[in-house]
Amino acid sequence: MLRSLVDVDRDMLISVLSMEVQTATKIAMSGHQRTAWQRAKRQGAIERAARLAHILAYFRDGGIPAGMSEDDRELCIAIAERRSS
């Protein structure tokens, strides 16, 4: 998804990322957690929401947020470079 956002303007990029963070957060906080599979699915959704929140912060605030993974930093920098060229 993120790689497809290279060609959109900054405001649209932030808007799309904001919606994705909201959606991921809702998924992470919904549902029952009775089984190991459900707990694992919820944990994955929580991690995805946090990752998207870091990426959103990078593009919205213009800096690397605390706790952002090295892979996500590299991805964001690559997208920013491709957007500026």
N, C-alpha and C. Protein backbone atom coordinates (compact mmCIF):
# COMPACT_ATOMS: atom_id res chain seq x y z
N MET A 1 0.81 -1.18 0.00
CA MET A 1 0.00 0.00 0.00
C MET A 1 0.86 1.26 0.00
N LEU A 2 1.88 1.29 0.86
CA LEU A 2 2.68 2.51 0.98
C LEU A 2 3.39 2.87 -0.32
N ARG A 3 3.88 1.88 -1.02
CA ARG A 3 4.59 2.18 -2.25
C ARG A 3 3.67 2.81 -3.30
N SER A 4 2.39 2.52 -3.24
CA SER A 4 1.44 3.11 -4.19
C SER A 4 1.15 4.57 -3.86
N LEU A 5 1.57 5.04 -2.69
CA LEU A 5 1.31 6.41 -2.28
C LEU A 5 2.38 7.40 -2.71
N VAL A 6 3.34 6.93 -3.47
CA VAL A 6 4.44 7.78 -3.91
C VAL A 6 3.93 8.92 -4.78
N ASP A 7 2.92 8.67 -5.59
CA ASP A 7 2.46 9.65 -6.56
C ASP A 7 1.35 10.57 -6.07
N VAL A 8 0.99 10.51 -4.81
CA VAL A 8 -0.06 11.39 -4.29
C VAL A 8 0.57 12.56 -3.55
N ASP A 9 -0.20 13.63 -3.43
CA ASP A 9 0.36 14.80 -2.73
C ASP A 9 0.39 14.53 -1.22
N ARG A 10 1.10 15.37 -0.51
CA ARG A 10 1.34 15.18 0.92
C ARG A 10 0.05 15.11 1.72
N ASP A 11 -0.90 16.01 1.43
CA ASP A 11 -2.16 16.02 2.17
C ASP A 11 -2.93 14.72 1.97
N MET A 12 -2.96 14.21 0.75
CA MET A 12 -3.65 12.95 0.48
C MET A 12 -2.93 11.80 1.16
N LEU A 13 -1.61 11.81 1.14
CA LEU A 13 -0.81 10.78 1.80
C LEU A 13 -1.15 10.73 3.30
N ILE A 14 -1.17 11.88 3.93
CA ILE A 14 -1.48 11.95 5.35
C ILE A 14 -2.92 11.51 5.62
N SER A 15 -3.83 11.89 4.76
CA SER A 15 -5.23 11.49 4.91
C SER A 15 -5.40 9.98 4.81
N VAL A 16 -4.77 9.37 3.81
CA VAL A 16 -4.87 7.92 3.63
C VAL A 16 -4.24 7.20 4.82
N LEU A 17 -3.07 7.64 5.23
CA LEU A 17 -2.41 7.00 6.38
C LEU A 17 -3.23 7.16 7.65
N SER A 18 -3.85 8.32 7.85
CA SER A 18 -4.70 8.54 9.03
C SER A 18 -5.87 7.57 9.05
N MET A 19 -6.51 7.38 7.90
CA MET A 19 -7.62 6.43 7.82
C MET A 19 -7.15 5.01 8.09
N GLU A 20 -5.98 4.65 7.58
CA GLU A 20 -5.44 3.31 7.82
C GLU A 20 -5.12 3.09 9.29
N VAL A 21 -4.59 4.11 9.96
CA VAL A 21 -4.30 4.00 11.39
C VAL A 21 -5.60 3.80 12.16
N GLN A 22 -6.63 4.57 11.83
CA GLN A 22 -7.92 4.42 12.51
C GLN A 22 -8.50 3.03 12.31
N THR A 23 -8.46 2.54 11.08
CA THR A 23 -8.99 1.22 10.77
C THR A 23 -8.22 0.13 11.52
N ALA A 24 -6.90 0.21 11.47
CA ALA A 24 -6.08 -0.80 12.15
C ALA A 24 -6.31 -0.76 13.66
N THR A 25 -6.49 0.41 14.21
CA THR A 25 -6.74 0.54 15.65
C THR A 25 -8.09 -0.07 16.02
N LYS A 26 -9.10 0.18 15.22
CA LYS A 26 -10.42 -0.41 15.48
C LYS A 26 -10.36 -1.93 15.43
N ILE A 27 -9.65 -2.47 14.44
CA ILE A 27 -9.51 -3.92 14.33
C ILE A 27 -8.77 -4.47 15.54
N ALA A 28 -7.73 -3.77 15.95
CA ALA A 28 -6.93 -4.23 17.09
C ALA A 28 -7.73 -4.25 18.39
N MET A 29 -8.65 -3.34 18.53
CA MET A 29 -9.39 -3.23 19.78
C MET A 29 -10.72 -3.98 19.76
N SER A 30 -11.08 -4.57 18.64
CA SER A 30 -12.36 -5.26 18.55
C SER A 30 -12.20 -6.76 18.72
N GLY A 31 -13.30 -7.40 18.94
CA GLY A 31 -13.31 -8.85 18.97
C GLY A 31 -12.93 -9.45 20.30
N HIS A 32 -13.26 -10.72 20.38
CA HIS A 32 -12.96 -11.50 21.58
C HIS A 32 -11.57 -12.11 21.45
N GLN A 33 -11.00 -12.48 22.57
CA GLN A 33 -9.66 -13.04 22.59
C GLN A 33 -9.64 -14.35 23.36
N ARG A 34 -10.53 -15.23 23.01
CA ARG A 34 -10.63 -16.49 23.75
C ARG A 34 -9.59 -17.51 23.35
N THR A 35 -9.22 -17.53 22.11
CA THR A 35 -8.29 -18.56 21.64
C THR A 35 -6.92 -17.95 21.36
N ALA A 36 -5.93 -18.81 21.27
CA ALA A 36 -4.57 -18.35 20.96
C ALA A 36 -4.55 -17.68 19.59
N TRP A 37 -5.30 -18.21 18.64
CA TRP A 37 -5.35 -17.62 17.30
C TRP A 37 -5.91 -16.21 17.35
N GLN A 38 -6.97 -16.00 18.12
CA GLN A 38 -7.58 -14.68 18.25
C GLN A 38 -6.62 -13.70 18.93
N ARG A 39 -5.90 -14.17 19.94
CA ARG A 39 -4.93 -13.30 20.61
C ARG A 39 -3.80 -12.94 19.65
N ALA A 40 -3.34 -13.90 18.86
CA ALA A 40 -2.27 -13.63 17.89
C ALA A 40 -2.74 -12.66 16.82
N LYS A 41 -3.97 -12.83 16.37
CA LYS A 41 -4.52 -11.93 15.35
C LYS A 41 -4.62 -10.51 15.92
N ARG A 42 -5.08 -10.39 17.15
CA ARG A 42 -5.18 -9.07 17.78
C ARG A 42 -3.80 -8.44 17.95
N GLN A 43 -2.82 -9.24 18.37
CA GLN A 43 -1.46 -8.72 18.55
C GLN A 43 -0.90 -8.22 17.21
N GLY A 44 -1.17 -8.96 16.14
CA GLY A 44 -0.73 -8.52 14.82
C GLY A 44 -1.38 -7.21 14.42
N ALA A 45 -2.65 -7.06 14.73
CA ALA A 45 -3.36 -5.82 14.41
C ALA A 45 -2.81 -4.65 15.23
N ILE A 46 -2.47 -4.90 16.48
CA ILE A 46 -1.89 -3.85 17.33
C ILE A 46 -0.54 -3.41 16.76
N GLU A 47 0.26 -4.37 16.36
CA GLU A 47 1.58 -4.05 15.78
C GLU A 47 1.42 -3.28 14.47
N ARG A 48 0.46 -3.67 13.64
CA ARG A 48 0.22 -2.97 12.37
C ARG A 48 -0.23 -1.53 12.64
N ALA A 49 -1.12 -1.34 13.60
CA ALA A 49 -1.59 0.00 13.94
C ALA A 49 -0.43 0.88 14.42
N ALA A 50 0.45 0.31 15.24
CA ALA A 50 1.60 1.07 15.74
C ALA A 50 2.55 1.42 14.60
N ARG A 51 2.77 0.46 13.73
CA ARG A 51 3.65 0.70 12.58
C ARG A 51 3.09 1.82 11.70
N LEU A 52 1.81 1.74 11.39
CA LEU A 52 1.19 2.78 10.56
C LEU A 52 1.21 4.14 11.26
N ALA A 53 1.04 4.14 12.58
CA ALA A 53 1.10 5.40 13.33
C ALA A 53 2.49 6.03 13.23
N HIS A 54 3.53 5.22 13.29
CA HIS A 54 4.90 5.74 13.13
C HIS A 54 5.10 6.31 11.73
N ILE A 55 4.62 5.60 10.73
CA ILE A 55 4.79 6.06 9.35
C ILE A 55 4.02 7.35 9.13
N LEU A 56 2.80 7.42 9.67
CA LEU A 56 2.01 8.65 9.58
C LEU A 56 2.76 9.80 10.24
N ALA A 57 3.29 9.57 11.44
CA ALA A 57 4.03 10.62 12.14
C ALA A 57 5.22 11.10 11.33
N TYR A 58 5.90 10.19 10.66
CA TYR A 58 7.05 10.57 9.84
C TYR A 58 6.64 11.57 8.75
N PHE A 59 5.57 11.25 8.03
CA PHE A 59 5.16 12.12 6.93
C PHE A 59 4.42 13.36 7.41
N ARG A 60 3.70 13.26 8.51
CA ARG A 60 2.95 14.41 9.03
C ARG A 60 3.87 15.40 9.72
N ASP A 61 4.80 14.89 10.52
CA ASP A 61 5.65 15.76 11.35
C ASP A 61 7.02 16.02 10.75
N GLY A 62 7.42 15.22 9.78
CA GLY A 62 8.69 15.44 9.11
C GLY A 62 9.91 14.93 9.84
N GLY A 63 9.72 14.08 10.82
CA GLY A 63 10.85 13.53 11.55
C GLY A 63 10.63 12.06 11.85
N ILE A 64 11.67 11.41 12.28
CA ILE A 64 11.58 9.99 12.61
C ILE A 64 11.10 9.86 14.05
N PRO A 65 9.92 9.26 14.26
CA PRO A 65 9.40 9.13 15.62
C PRO A 65 10.15 8.08 16.42
N ALA A 66 10.15 8.25 17.73
CA ALA A 66 10.78 7.27 18.62
C ALA A 66 10.08 5.93 18.48
N GLY A 67 10.87 4.88 18.44
CA GLY A 67 10.31 3.54 18.36
C GLY A 67 10.09 3.02 16.96
N MET A 68 10.38 3.83 15.96
CA MET A 68 10.19 3.40 14.57
C MET A 68 11.28 2.40 14.20
N SER A 69 10.89 1.31 13.53
CA SER A 69 11.86 0.29 13.15
C SER A 69 12.77 0.80 12.04
N GLU A 70 13.93 0.19 11.94
CA GLU A 70 14.89 0.56 10.90
C GLU A 70 14.30 0.30 9.51
N ASP A 71 13.59 -0.81 9.35
CA ASP A 71 12.96 -1.11 8.05
C ASP A 71 11.96 -0.05 7.66
N ASP A 72 11.15 0.40 8.63
CA ASP A 72 10.17 1.44 8.33
C ASP A 72 10.84 2.78 8.05
N ARG A 73 11.93 3.06 8.74
CA ARG A 73 12.69 4.29 8.45
C ARG A 73 13.18 4.28 7.01
N GLU A 74 13.78 3.16 6.62
CA GLU A 74 14.28 3.04 5.25
C GLU A 74 13.15 3.16 4.24
N LEU A 75 12.01 2.54 4.53
CA LEU A 75 10.86 2.63 3.63
C LEU A 75 10.39 4.07 3.49
N CYS A 76 10.24 4.77 4.60
CA CYS A 76 9.77 6.15 4.57
C CYS A 76 10.75 7.06 3.84
N ILE A 77 12.03 6.88 4.10
CA ILE A 77 13.04 7.70 3.42
C ILE A 77 13.01 7.44 1.92
N ALA A 78 12.87 6.17 1.53
CA ALA A 78 12.80 5.83 0.11
C ALA A 78 11.57 6.45 -0.54
N ILE A 79 10.43 6.39 0.14
CA ILE A 79 9.21 6.98 -0.41
C ILE A 79 9.37 8.49 -0.52
N ALA A 80 9.92 9.11 0.50
CA ALA A 80 10.13 10.57 0.47
C ALA A 80 11.05 10.98 -0.67
N GLU A 81 12.10 10.20 -0.88
CA GLU A 81 13.03 10.50 -1.97
C GLU A 81 12.36 10.34 -3.33
N ARG A 82 11.57 9.28 -3.49
CA ARG A 82 10.87 9.05 -4.75
C ARG A 82 9.82 10.12 -5.01
N ARG A 83 9.19 10.60 -3.93
CA ARG A 83 8.17 11.64 -4.07
C ARG A 83 8.80 12.96 -4.47
N SER A 84 10.02 13.22 -4.03
CA SER A 84 10.66 14.50 -4.31
C SER A 84 11.36 14.54 -5.67
N SER A 85 11.53 13.38 -6.28
CA SER A 85 12.23 13.38 -7.58
C SER A 85 11.27 13.50 -8.74
